[in-house]
Amino acid sequence: FEHTQQYASNPLMAPPGGSVSAAEARELVEYARLYHIDVVP
């Protein structure tokens, strides 16, 4: 990520439609855990 992770503390950075939300991050982390993969930002 340079500017495509969404941050509640800095909402200007992430472009609409082109960024990863907090909910998406949590969902992928949980999904990857099943496959023995750590998601590292």
PDB file of all heavy atoms in Angstrom:
ATOM      1  N   PHE A   1       0.828  -1.200   0.000  1.00  0.00           N
ATOM      2  CA  PHE A   1       0.000   0.000   0.000  1.00  0.00           C
ATOM      3  C   PHE A   1       0.867   1.257   0.000  1.00  0.00           C
ATOM      4  O   PHE A   1       1.809   1.368   0.794  1.00  0.00           O
ATOM      5  CB  PHE A   1      -0.893   0.064   1.252  1.00  0.00           C
ATOM      6  CG  PHE A   1      -1.869  -1.066   1.389  1.00  0.00           C
ATOM      7  CD1 PHE A   1      -1.900  -1.832   2.554  1.00  0.00           C
ATOM      8  CD2 PHE A   1      -2.778  -1.366   0.385  1.00  0.00           C
ATOM      9  CE1 PHE A   1      -2.796  -2.865   2.706  1.00  0.00           C
ATOM     10  CE2 PHE A   1      -3.681  -2.403   0.526  1.00  0.00           C
ATOM     11  CZ  PHE A   1      -3.696  -3.159   1.680  1.00  0.00           C
ATOM     12  N   GLU A   2       0.547   2.165  -0.874  1.00  0.00           N
ATOM     13  CA  GLU A   2       1.017   3.536  -0.759  1.00  0.00           C
ATOM     14  C   GLU A   2      -0.135   4.404  -0.263  1.00  0.00           C
ATOM     15  O   GLU A   2      -0.015   5.127   0.707  1.00  0.00           O
ATOM     16  CB  GLU A   2       1.550   4.026  -2.107  1.00  0.00           C
ATOM     17  CG  GLU A   2       2.802   3.284  -2.555  1.00  0.00           C
ATOM     18  CD  GLU A   2       3.284   3.716  -3.928  1.00  0.00           C
ATOM     19  OE1 GLU A   2       2.669   4.632  -4.532  1.00  0.00           O
ATOM     20  OE2 GLU A   2       4.283   3.142  -4.416  1.00  0.00           O
ATOM     21  N   HIS A   3      -1.292   4.260  -0.925  1.00  0.00           N
ATOM     22  CA  HIS A   3      -2.451   5.089  -0.572  1.00  0.00           C
ATOM     23  C   HIS A   3      -3.764   4.328  -0.713  1.00  0.00           C
ATOM     24  O   HIS A   3      -4.830   4.946  -0.676  1.00  0.00           O
ATOM     25  CB  HIS A   3      -2.485   6.316  -1.485  1.00  0.00           C
ATOM     26  CG  HIS A   3      -2.728   5.978  -2.939  1.00  0.00           C
ATOM     27  ND1 HIS A   3      -1.891   5.161  -3.647  1.00  0.00           N
ATOM     28  CD2 HIS A   3      -3.713   6.335  -3.793  1.00  0.00           C
ATOM     29  CE1 HIS A   3      -2.346   5.038  -4.889  1.00  0.00           C
ATOM     30  NE2 HIS A   3      -3.451   5.732  -4.995  1.00  0.00           N
ATOM     31  N   THR A   4      -3.717   3.014  -0.849  1.00  0.00           N
ATOM     32  CA  THR A   4      -4.931   2.263  -1.187  1.00  0.00           C
ATOM     33  C   THR A   4      -5.493   1.424  -0.041  1.00  0.00           C
ATOM     34  O   THR A   4      -6.406   0.628  -0.261  1.00  0.00           O
ATOM     35  CB  THR A   4      -4.674   1.364  -2.411  1.00  0.00           C
ATOM     36  OG1 THR A   4      -3.474   0.615  -2.216  1.00  0.00           O
ATOM     37  CG2 THR A   4      -4.539   2.208  -3.667  1.00  0.00           C
ATOM     38  N   GLN A   5      -4.972   1.566   1.164  1.00  0.00           N
ATOM     39  CA  GLN A   5      -5.643   1.037   2.357  1.00  0.00           C
ATOM     40  C   GLN A   5      -6.428   2.179   2.977  1.00  0.00           C
ATOM     41  O   GLN A   5      -5.902   3.289   3.136  1.00  0.00           O
ATOM     42  CB  GLN A   5      -4.647   0.489   3.364  1.00  0.00           C
ATOM     43  CG  GLN A   5      -5.233   0.099   4.714  1.00  0.00           C
ATOM     44  CD  GLN A   5      -6.106  -1.142   4.657  1.00  0.00           C
ATOM     45  OE1 GLN A   5      -5.675  -2.193   4.219  1.00  0.00           O
ATOM     46  NE2 GLN A   5      -7.350  -1.020   5.102  1.00  0.00           N
ATOM     47  N   GLN A   6      -7.666   1.934   3.302  1.00  0.00           N
ATOM     48  CA  GLN A   6      -8.495   2.983   3.906  1.00  0.00           C
ATOM     49  C   GLN A   6      -8.157   3.124   5.392  1.00  0.00           C
ATOM     50  O   GLN A   6      -8.032   2.127   6.103  1.00  0.00           O
ATOM     51  CB  GLN A   6      -9.978   2.643   3.740  1.00  0.00           C
ATOM     52  CG  GLN A   6     -10.433   2.601   2.295  1.00  0.00           C
ATOM     53  CD  GLN A   6     -11.888   2.185   2.151  1.00  0.00           C
ATOM     54  OE1 GLN A   6     -12.670   2.279   3.099  1.00  0.00           O
ATOM     55  NE2 GLN A   6     -12.259   1.717   0.966  1.00  0.00           N
ATOM     56  N   TYR A   7      -8.016   4.394   5.835  1.00  0.00           N
ATOM     57  CA  TYR A   7      -7.728   4.689   7.241  1.00  0.00           C
ATOM     58  C   TYR A   7      -8.787   5.637   7.784  1.00  0.00           C
ATOM     59  O   TYR A   7      -9.006   6.721   7.220  1.00  0.00           O
ATOM     60  CB  TYR A   7      -6.347   5.334   7.383  1.00  0.00           C
ATOM     61  CG  TYR A   7      -5.208   4.426   7.006  1.00  0.00           C
ATOM     62  CD1 TYR A   7      -4.471   4.654   5.841  1.00  0.00           C
ATOM     63  CD2 TYR A   7      -4.864   3.331   7.797  1.00  0.00           C
ATOM     64  CE1 TYR A   7      -3.427   3.827   5.487  1.00  0.00           C
ATOM     65  CE2 TYR A   7      -3.821   2.495   7.446  1.00  0.00           C
ATOM     66  CZ  TYR A   7      -3.109   2.743   6.286  1.00  0.00           C
ATOM     67  OH  TYR A   7      -2.077   1.909   5.936  1.00  0.00           O
ATOM     68  N   ALA A   8      -9.389   5.252   8.880  1.00  0.00           N
ATOM     69  CA  ALA A   8     -10.369   6.135   9.522  1.00  0.00           C
ATOM     70  C   ALA A   8      -9.693   7.411  10.012  1.00  0.00           C
ATOM     71  O   ALA A   8     -10.297   8.488   9.999  1.00  0.00           O
ATOM     72  CB  ALA A   8     -11.045   5.408  10.683  1.00  0.00           C
ATOM     73  N   SER A   9      -8.429   7.303  10.427  1.00  0.00           N
ATOM     74  CA  SER A   9      -7.719   8.465  10.953  1.00  0.00           C
ATOM     75  C   SER A   9      -7.253   9.425   9.862  1.00  0.00           C
ATOM     76  O   SER A   9      -6.977  10.590  10.137  1.00  0.00           O
ATOM     77  CB  SER A   9      -6.497   7.994  11.758  1.00  0.00           C
ATOM     78  OG  SER A   9      -5.639   7.216  10.941  1.00  0.00           O
ATOM     79  N   ASN A  10      -7.173   8.940   8.641  1.00  0.00           N
ATOM     80  CA  ASN A  10      -6.710   9.759   7.508  1.00  0.00           C
ATOM     81  C   ASN A  10      -7.543   9.418   6.270  1.00  0.00           C
ATOM     82  O   ASN A  10      -7.060   8.775   5.328  1.00  0.00           O
ATOM     83  CB  ASN A  10      -5.225   9.502   7.243  1.00  0.00           C
ATOM     84  CG  ASN A  10      -4.336  10.026   8.346  1.00  0.00           C
ATOM     85  OD1 ASN A  10      -3.971  11.196   8.355  1.00  0.00           O
ATOM     86  ND2 ASN A  10      -4.004   9.151   9.289  1.00  0.00           N
ATOM     87  N   PRO A  11      -8.797   9.847   6.240  1.00  0.00           N
ATOM     88  CA  PRO A  11      -9.719   9.392   5.196  1.00  0.00           C
ATOM     89  C   PRO A  11      -9.476   9.980   3.813  1.00  0.00           C
ATOM     90  O   PRO A  11     -10.054   9.483   2.846  1.00  0.00           O
ATOM     91  CB  PRO A  11     -11.082   9.830   5.738  1.00  0.00           C
ATOM     92  CG  PRO A  11     -10.789  10.988   6.627  1.00  0.00           C
ATOM     93  CD  PRO A  11      -9.465  10.692   7.253  1.00  0.00           C
ATOM     94  N   LEU A  12      -8.648  11.005   3.692  1.00  0.00           N
ATOM     95  CA  LEU A  12      -8.439  11.620   2.382  1.00  0.00           C
ATOM     96  C   LEU A  12      -7.650  10.731   1.428  1.00  0.00           C
ATOM     97  O   LEU A  12      -7.795  10.832   0.210  1.00  0.00           O
ATOM     98  CB  LEU A  12      -7.692  12.953   2.532  1.00  0.00           C
ATOM     99  CG  LEU A  12      -8.447  14.159   3.081  1.00  0.00           C
ATOM    100  CD1 LEU A  12      -7.520  15.360   3.099  1.00  0.00           C
ATOM    101  CD2 LEU A  12      -9.678  14.441   2.237  1.00  0.00           C
ATOM    102  N   MET A  13      -6.810   9.891   1.950  1.00  0.00           N
ATOM    103  CA  MET A  13      -5.801   9.230   1.123  1.00  0.00           C
ATOM    104  C   MET A  13      -6.375   8.241   0.119  1.00  0.00           C
ATOM    105  O   MET A  13      -5.988   8.224  -1.052  1.00  0.00           O
ATOM    106  CB  MET A  13      -4.797   8.515   2.022  1.00  0.00           C
ATOM    107  CG  MET A  13      -3.971   9.440   2.890  1.00  0.00           C
ATOM    108  SD  MET A  13      -2.877   8.489   3.969  1.00  0.00           S
ATOM    109  CE  MET A  13      -1.975   9.808   4.776  1.00  0.00           C
ATOM    110  N   ALA A  14      -7.261   7.378   0.541  1.00  0.00           N
ATOM    111  CA  ALA A  14      -7.672   6.251  -0.287  1.00  0.00           C
ATOM    112  C   ALA A  14      -8.653   6.680  -1.374  1.00  0.00           C
ATOM    113  O   ALA A  14      -9.643   7.350  -1.088  1.00  0.00           O
ATOM    114  CB  ALA A  14      -8.307   5.170   0.585  1.00  0.00           C
ATOM    115  N   PRO A  15      -8.416   6.302  -2.630  1.00  0.00           N
ATOM    116  CA  PRO A  15      -9.324   6.690  -3.715  1.00  0.00           C
ATOM    117  C   PRO A  15     -10.615   5.880  -3.687  1.00  0.00           C
ATOM    118  O   PRO A  15     -10.576   4.662  -3.446  1.00  0.00           O
ATOM    119  CB  PRO A  15      -8.511   6.386  -4.969  1.00  0.00           C
ATOM    120  CG  PRO A  15      -7.565   5.317  -4.554  1.00  0.00           C
ATOM    121  CD  PRO A  15      -7.244   5.568  -3.118  1.00  0.00           C
ATOM    122  N   PRO A  16     -11.745   6.506  -3.946  1.00  0.00           N
ATOM    123  CA  PRO A  16     -13.016   5.770  -3.991  1.00  0.00           C
ATOM    124  C   PRO A  16     -12.977   4.684  -5.066  1.00  0.00           C
ATOM    125  O   PRO A  16     -12.538   4.926  -6.191  1.00  0.00           O
ATOM    126  CB  PRO A  16     -14.039   6.856  -4.343  1.00  0.00           C
ATOM    127  CG  PRO A  16     -13.390   8.146  -3.972  1.00  0.00           C
ATOM    128  CD  PRO A  16     -11.922   7.948  -4.184  1.00  0.00           C
ATOM    129  N   GLY A  17     -13.397   3.495  -4.699  1.00  0.00           N
ATOM    130  CA  GLY A  17     -13.446   2.394  -5.652  1.00  0.00           C
ATOM    131  C   GLY A  17     -12.116   1.730  -5.907  1.00  0.00           C
ATOM    132  O   GLY A  17     -12.059   0.701  -6.593  1.00  0.00           O
ATOM    133  N   GLY A  18     -11.042   2.286  -5.374  1.00  0.00           N
ATOM    134  CA  GLY A  18      -9.721   1.728  -5.622  1.00  0.00           C
ATOM    135  C   GLY A  18      -8.933   1.521  -4.365  1.00  0.00           C
ATOM    136  O   GLY A  18      -7.711   1.719  -4.350  1.00  0.00           O
ATOM    137  N   SER A  19      -9.603   1.102  -3.301  1.00  0.00           N
ATOM    138  CA  SER A  19      -8.916   0.940  -2.025  1.00  0.00           C
ATOM    139  C   SER A  19      -9.545  -0.184  -1.226  1.00  0.00           C
ATOM    140  O   SER A  19     -10.662  -0.628  -1.508  1.00  0.00           O
ATOM    141  CB  SER A  19      -8.953   2.248  -1.227  1.00  0.00           C
ATOM    142  OG  SER A  19     -10.278   2.722  -1.099  1.00  0.00           O
ATOM    143  N   VAL A  20      -8.818  -0.637  -0.222  1.00  0.00           N
ATOM    144  CA  VAL A  20      -9.215  -1.767   0.600  1.00  0.00           C
ATOM    145  C   VAL A  20      -9.818  -1.256   1.900  1.00  0.00           C
ATOM    146  O   VAL A  20      -9.181  -0.505   2.640  1.00  0.00           O
ATOM    147  CB  VAL A  20      -8.007  -2.672   0.891  1.00  0.00           C
ATOM    148  CG1 VAL A  20      -8.385  -3.790   1.857  1.00  0.00           C
ATOM    149  CG2 VAL A  20      -7.445  -3.239  -0.406  1.00  0.00           C
ATOM    150  N   SER A  21     -11.038  -1.668   2.176  1.00  0.00           N
ATOM    151  CA  SER A  21     -11.714  -1.233   3.395  1.00  0.00           C
ATOM    152  C   SER A  21     -11.275  -2.081   4.580  1.00  0.00           C
ATOM    153  O   SER A  21     -10.701  -3.167   4.426  1.00  0.00           O
ATOM    154  CB  SER A  21     -13.224  -1.336   3.231  1.00  0.00           C
ATOM    155  OG  SER A  21     -13.625  -2.698   3.181  1.00  0.00           O
ATOM    156  N   ALA A  22     -11.587  -1.590   5.764  1.00  0.00           N
ATOM    157  CA  ALA A  22     -11.282  -2.346   6.978  1.00  0.00           C
ATOM    158  C   ALA A  22     -12.016  -3.679   6.983  1.00  0.00           C
ATOM    159  O   ALA A  22     -11.450  -4.713   7.364  1.00  0.00           O
ATOM    160  CB  ALA A  22     -11.654  -1.520   8.210  1.00  0.00           C
ATOM    161  N   ALA A  23     -13.266  -3.671   6.531  1.00  0.00           N
ATOM    162  CA  ALA A  23     -14.051  -4.909   6.510  1.00  0.00           C
ATOM    163  C   ALA A  23     -13.433  -5.928   5.550  1.00  0.00           C
ATOM    164  O   ALA A  23     -13.369  -7.129   5.853  1.00  0.00           O
ATOM    165  CB  ALA A  23     -15.487  -4.605   6.112  1.00  0.00           C
ATOM    166  N   GLU A  24     -12.974  -5.468   4.391  1.00  0.00           N
ATOM    167  CA  GLU A  24     -12.335  -6.374   3.437  1.00  0.00           C
ATOM    168  C   GLU A  24     -11.046  -6.944   4.011  1.00  0.00           C
ATOM    169  O   GLU A  24     -10.734  -8.130   3.815  1.00  0.00           O
ATOM    170  CB  GLU A  24     -12.039  -5.640   2.133  1.00  0.00           C
ATOM    171  CG  GLU A  24     -13.264  -5.327   1.293  1.00  0.00           C
ATOM    172  CD  GLU A  24     -12.909  -4.513   0.067  1.00  0.00           C
ATOM    173  OE1 GLU A  24     -12.121  -3.541   0.198  1.00  0.00           O
ATOM    174  OE2 GLU A  24     -13.408  -4.838  -1.020  1.00  0.00           O
ATOM    175  N   ALA A  25     -10.295  -6.106   4.702  1.00  0.00           N
ATOM    176  CA  ALA A  25      -9.046  -6.575   5.305  1.00  0.00           C
ATOM    177  C   ALA A  25      -9.320  -7.688   6.312  1.00  0.00           C
ATOM    178  O   ALA A  25      -8.667  -8.741   6.289  1.00  0.00           O
ATOM    179  CB  ALA A  25      -8.318  -5.413   5.969  1.00  0.00           C
ATOM    180  N   ARG A  26     -10.289  -7.464   7.180  1.00  0.00           N
ATOM    181  CA  ARG A  26     -10.610  -8.478   8.189  1.00  0.00           C
ATOM    182  C   ARG A  26     -11.078  -9.774   7.533  1.00  0.00           C
ATOM    183  O   ARG A  26     -10.703 -10.879   7.960  1.00  0.00           O
ATOM    184  CB  ARG A  26     -11.693  -7.951   9.132  1.00  0.00           C
ATOM    185  CG  ARG A  26     -11.251  -6.801  10.032  1.00  0.00           C
ATOM    186  CD  ARG A  26     -12.300  -6.509  11.084  1.00  0.00           C
ATOM    187  NE  ARG A  26     -11.970  -5.330  11.866  1.00  0.00           N
ATOM    188  CZ  ARG A  26     -12.436  -4.113  11.611  1.00  0.00           C
ATOM    189  NH1 ARG A  26     -13.282  -3.921  10.603  1.00  0.00           N
ATOM    190  NH2 ARG A  26     -12.079  -3.087  12.359  1.00  0.00           N
ATOM    191  N   GLU A  27     -11.893  -9.641   6.504  1.00  0.00           N
ATOM    192  CA  GLU A  27     -12.428 -10.834   5.853  1.00  0.00           C
ATOM    193  C   GLU A  27     -11.319 -11.653   5.202  1.00  0.00           C
ATOM    194  O   GLU A  27     -11.298 -12.881   5.296  1.00  0.00           O
ATOM    195  CB  GLU A  27     -13.470 -10.434   4.814  1.00  0.00           C
ATOM    196  CG  GLU A  27     -14.164 -11.624   4.159  1.00  0.00           C
ATOM    197  CD  GLU A  27     -15.330 -11.230   3.265  1.00  0.00           C
ATOM    198  OE1 GLU A  27     -15.803 -10.071   3.370  1.00  0.00           O
ATOM    199  OE2 GLU A  27     -15.769 -12.073   2.457  1.00  0.00           O
ATOM    200  N   LEU A  28     -10.388 -10.983   4.531  1.00  0.00           N
ATOM    201  CA  LEU A  28      -9.318 -11.727   3.874  1.00  0.00           C
ATOM    202  C   LEU A  28      -8.384 -12.360   4.895  1.00  0.00           C
ATOM    203  O   LEU A  28      -7.927 -13.496   4.705  1.00  0.00           O
ATOM    204  CB  LEU A  28      -8.526 -10.818   2.938  1.00  0.00           C
ATOM    205  CG  LEU A  28      -7.529 -11.587   2.057  1.00  0.00           C
ATOM    206  CD1 LEU A  28      -8.270 -12.434   1.029  1.00  0.00           C
ATOM    207  CD2 LEU A  28      -6.554 -10.649   1.372  1.00  0.00           C
ATOM    208  N   VAL A  29      -8.090 -11.660   5.967  1.00  0.00           N
ATOM    209  CA  VAL A  29      -7.222 -12.215   7.012  1.00  0.00           C
ATOM    210  C   VAL A  29      -7.822 -13.508   7.562  1.00  0.00           C
ATOM    211  O   VAL A  29      -7.122 -14.518   7.727  1.00  0.00           O
ATOM    212  CB  VAL A  29      -7.015 -11.189   8.142  1.00  0.00           C
ATOM    213  CG1 VAL A  29      -6.427 -11.849   9.382  1.00  0.00           C
ATOM    214  CG2 VAL A  29      -6.107 -10.057   7.664  1.00  0.00           C
ATOM    215  N   GLU A  30      -9.107 -13.483   7.846  1.00  0.00           N
ATOM    216  CA  GLU A  30      -9.762 -14.671   8.391  1.00  0.00           C
ATOM    217  C   GLU A  30      -9.794 -15.793   7.366  1.00  0.00           C
ATOM    218  O   GLU A  30      -9.596 -16.965   7.695  1.00  0.00           O
ATOM    219  CB  GLU A  30     -11.185 -14.318   8.841  1.00  0.00           C
ATOM    220  CG  GLU A  30     -11.925 -15.442   9.543  1.00  0.00           C
ATOM    221  CD  GLU A  30     -11.240 -15.909  10.819  1.00  0.00           C
ATOM    222  OE1 GLU A  30     -10.457 -15.116  11.403  1.00  0.00           O
ATOM    223  OE2 GLU A  30     -11.480 -17.059  11.245  1.00  0.00           O
ATOM    224  N   TYR A  31     -10.046 -15.444   6.117  1.00  0.00           N
ATOM    225  CA  TYR A  31     -10.074 -16.445   5.046  1.00  0.00           C
ATOM    226  C   TYR A  31      -8.699 -17.076   4.878  1.00  0.00           C
ATOM    227  O   TYR A  31      -8.574 -18.298   4.763  1.00  0.00           O
ATOM    228  CB  TYR A  31     -10.524 -15.775   3.750  1.00  0.00           C
ATOM    229  CG  TYR A  31     -10.771 -16.734   2.608  1.00  0.00           C
ATOM    230  CD1 TYR A  31     -11.987 -17.399   2.494  1.00  0.00           C
ATOM    231  CD2 TYR A  31      -9.798 -16.967   1.649  1.00  0.00           C
ATOM    232  CE1 TYR A  31     -12.220 -18.281   1.446  1.00  0.00           C
ATOM    233  CE2 TYR A  31     -10.019 -17.846   0.604  1.00  0.00           C
ATOM    234  CZ  TYR A  31     -11.233 -18.495   0.503  1.00  0.00           C
ATOM    235  OH  TYR A  31     -11.468 -19.371  -0.530  1.00  0.00           O
ATOM    236  N   ALA A  32      -7.661 -16.252   4.863  1.00  0.00           N
ATOM    237  CA  ALA A  32      -6.302 -16.752   4.659  1.00  0.00           C
ATOM    238  C   ALA A  32      -5.847 -17.648   5.809  1.00  0.00           C
ATOM    239  O   ALA A  32      -5.060 -18.580   5.597  1.00  0.00           O
ATOM    240  CB  ALA A  32      -5.340 -15.580   4.490  1.00  0.00           C
ATOM    241  N   ARG A  33      -6.330 -17.366   7.008  1.00  0.00           N
ATOM    242  CA  ARG A  33      -5.946 -18.170   8.164  1.00  0.00           C
ATOM    243  C   ARG A  33      -6.294 -19.636   7.952  1.00  0.00           C
ATOM    244  O   ARG A  33      -5.532 -20.535   8.348  1.00  0.00           O
ATOM    245  CB  ARG A  33      -6.653 -17.629   9.416  1.00  0.00           C
ATOM    246  CG  ARG A  33      -6.290 -18.356  10.710  1.00  0.00           C
ATOM    247  CD  ARG A  33      -7.160 -17.879  11.861  1.00  0.00           C
ATOM    248  NE  ARG A  33      -8.573 -18.124  11.612  1.00  0.00           N
ATOM    249  CZ  ARG A  33      -9.161 -19.322  11.758  1.00  0.00           C
ATOM    250  NH1 ARG A  33      -8.459 -20.371  12.156  1.00  0.00           N
ATOM    251  NH2 ARG A  33     -10.452 -19.457  11.518  1.00  0.00           N
ATOM    252  N   LEU A  34      -7.424 -19.901   7.307  1.00  0.00           N
ATOM    253  CA  LEU A  34      -7.829 -21.276   7.039  1.00  0.00           C
ATOM    254  C   LEU A  34      -6.821 -22.000   6.167  1.00  0.00           C
ATOM    255  O   LEU A  34      -6.674 -23.220   6.248  1.00  0.00           O
ATOM    256  CB  LEU A  34      -9.201 -21.298   6.353  1.00  0.00           C
ATOM    257  CG  LEU A  34     -10.371 -20.674   7.124  1.00  0.00           C
ATOM    258  CD1 LEU A  34     -11.600 -20.590   6.226  1.00  0.00           C
ATOM    259  CD2 LEU A  34     -10.666 -21.482   8.379  1.00  0.00           C
ATOM    260  N   TYR A  35      -6.122 -21.236   5.333  1.00  0.00           N
ATOM    261  CA  TYR A  35      -5.159 -21.805   4.383  1.00  0.00           C
ATOM    262  C   TYR A  35      -3.715 -21.656   4.865  1.00  0.00           C
ATOM    263  O   TYR A  35      -2.790 -21.779   4.076  1.00  0.00           O
ATOM    264  CB  TYR A  35      -5.337 -21.134   3.019  1.00  0.00           C
ATOM    265  CG  TYR A  35      -6.642 -21.497   2.350  1.00  0.00           C
ATOM    266  CD1 TYR A  35      -7.795 -20.751   2.590  1.00  0.00           C
ATOM    267  CD2 TYR A  35      -6.737 -22.594   1.504  1.00  0.00           C
ATOM    268  CE1 TYR A  35      -8.999 -21.083   1.991  1.00  0.00           C
ATOM    269  CE2 TYR A  35      -7.935 -22.941   0.904  1.00  0.00           C
ATOM    270  CZ  TYR A  35      -9.064 -22.173   1.151  1.00  0.00           C
ATOM    271  OH  TYR A  35     -10.266 -22.515   0.546  1.00  0.00           O
ATOM    272  N   HIS A  36      -3.543 -21.364   6.144  1.00  0.00           N
ATOM    273  CA  HIS A  36      -2.212 -21.269   6.763  1.00  0.00           C
ATOM    274  C   HIS A  36      -1.372 -20.161   6.135  1.00  0.00           C
ATOM    275  O   HIS A  36      -0.155 -20.300   5.956  1.00  0.00           O
ATOM    276  CB  HIS A  36      -1.490 -22.616   6.687  1.00  0.00           C
ATOM    277  CG  HIS A  36      -2.251 -23.729   7.347  1.00  0.00           C
ATOM    278  ND1 HIS A  36      -2.180 -23.980   8.698  1.00  0.00           N
ATOM    279  CD2 HIS A  36      -3.149 -24.621   6.837  1.00  0.00           C
ATOM    280  CE1 HIS A  36      -2.981 -24.991   8.995  1.00  0.00           C
ATOM    281  NE2 HIS A  36      -3.584 -25.393   7.890  1.00  0.00           N
ATOM    282  N   ILE A  37      -2.023 -19.056   5.816  1.00  0.00           N
ATOM    283  CA  ILE A  37      -1.345 -17.899   5.246  1.00  0.00           C
ATOM    284  C   ILE A  37      -1.565 -16.689   6.147  1.00  0.00           C
ATOM    285  O   ILE A  37      -2.697 -16.384   6.523  1.00  0.00           O
ATOM    286  CB  ILE A  37      -1.857 -17.597   3.824  1.00  0.00           C
ATOM    287  CG1 ILE A  37      -1.376 -18.676   2.851  1.00  0.00           C
ATOM    288  CG2 ILE A  37      -1.398 -16.222   3.347  1.00  0.00           C
ATOM    289  CD1 ILE A  37      -1.827 -18.478   1.419  1.00  0.00           C
ATOM    290  N   ASP A  38      -0.466 -16.016   6.480  1.00  0.00           N
ATOM    291  CA  ASP A  38      -0.541 -14.740   7.186  1.00  0.00           C
ATOM    292  C   ASP A  38      -0.606 -13.619   6.158  1.00  0.00           C
ATOM    293  O   ASP A  38       0.203 -13.579   5.226  1.00  0.00           O
ATOM    294  CB  ASP A  38       0.695 -14.530   8.072  1.00  0.00           C
ATOM    295  CG  ASP A  38       0.619 -15.308   9.367  1.00  0.00           C
ATOM    296  OD1 ASP A  38      -0.476 -15.407   9.932  1.00  0.00           O
ATOM    297  OD2 ASP A  38       1.672 -15.824   9.798  1.00  0.00           O
ATOM    298  N   VAL A  39      -1.556 -12.707   6.336  1.00  0.00           N
ATOM    299  CA  VAL A  39      -1.650 -11.533   5.477  1.00  0.00           C
ATOM    300  C   VAL A  39      -0.895 -10.401   6.159  1.00  0.00           C
ATOM    301  O   VAL A  39      -1.238  -9.994   7.268  1.00  0.00           O
ATOM    302  CB  VAL A  39      -3.109 -11.130   5.216  1.00  0.00           C
ATOM    303  CG1 VAL A  39      -3.168  -9.914   4.280  1.00  0.00           C
ATOM    304  CG2 VAL A  39      -3.879 -12.301   4.608  1.00  0.00           C
ATOM    305  N   VAL A  40       0.143  -9.908   5.504  1.00  0.00           N
ATOM    306  CA  VAL A  40       1.019  -8.884   6.070  1.00  0.00           C
ATOM    307  C   VAL A  40       0.821  -7.584   5.296  1.00  0.00           C
ATOM    308  O   VAL A  40       1.088  -7.533   4.096  1.00  0.00           O
ATOM    309  CB  VAL A  40       2.493  -9.316   5.991  1.00  0.00           C
ATOM    310  CG1 VAL A  40       3.404  -8.211   6.516  1.00  0.00           C
ATOM    311  CG2 VAL A  40       2.707 -10.606   6.766  1.00  0.00           C
ATOM    312  N   PRO A  41       0.362  -6.533   5.956  1.00  0.00           N
ATOM    313  CA  PRO A  41       0.221  -5.265   5.247  1.00  0.00           C
ATOM    314  C   PRO A  41       1.566  -4.562   5.108  1.00  0.00           C
ATOM    315  O   PRO A  41       2.364  -4.535   6.046  1.00  0.00           O
ATOM    316  CB  PRO A  41      -0.714  -4.470   6.155  1.00  0.00           C
ATOM    317  CG  PRO A  41      -0.379  -4.953   7.531  1.00  0.00           C
ATOM    318  CD  PRO A  41      -0.033  -6.422   7.370  1.00  0.00           C
TER     319      PRO A  41
END
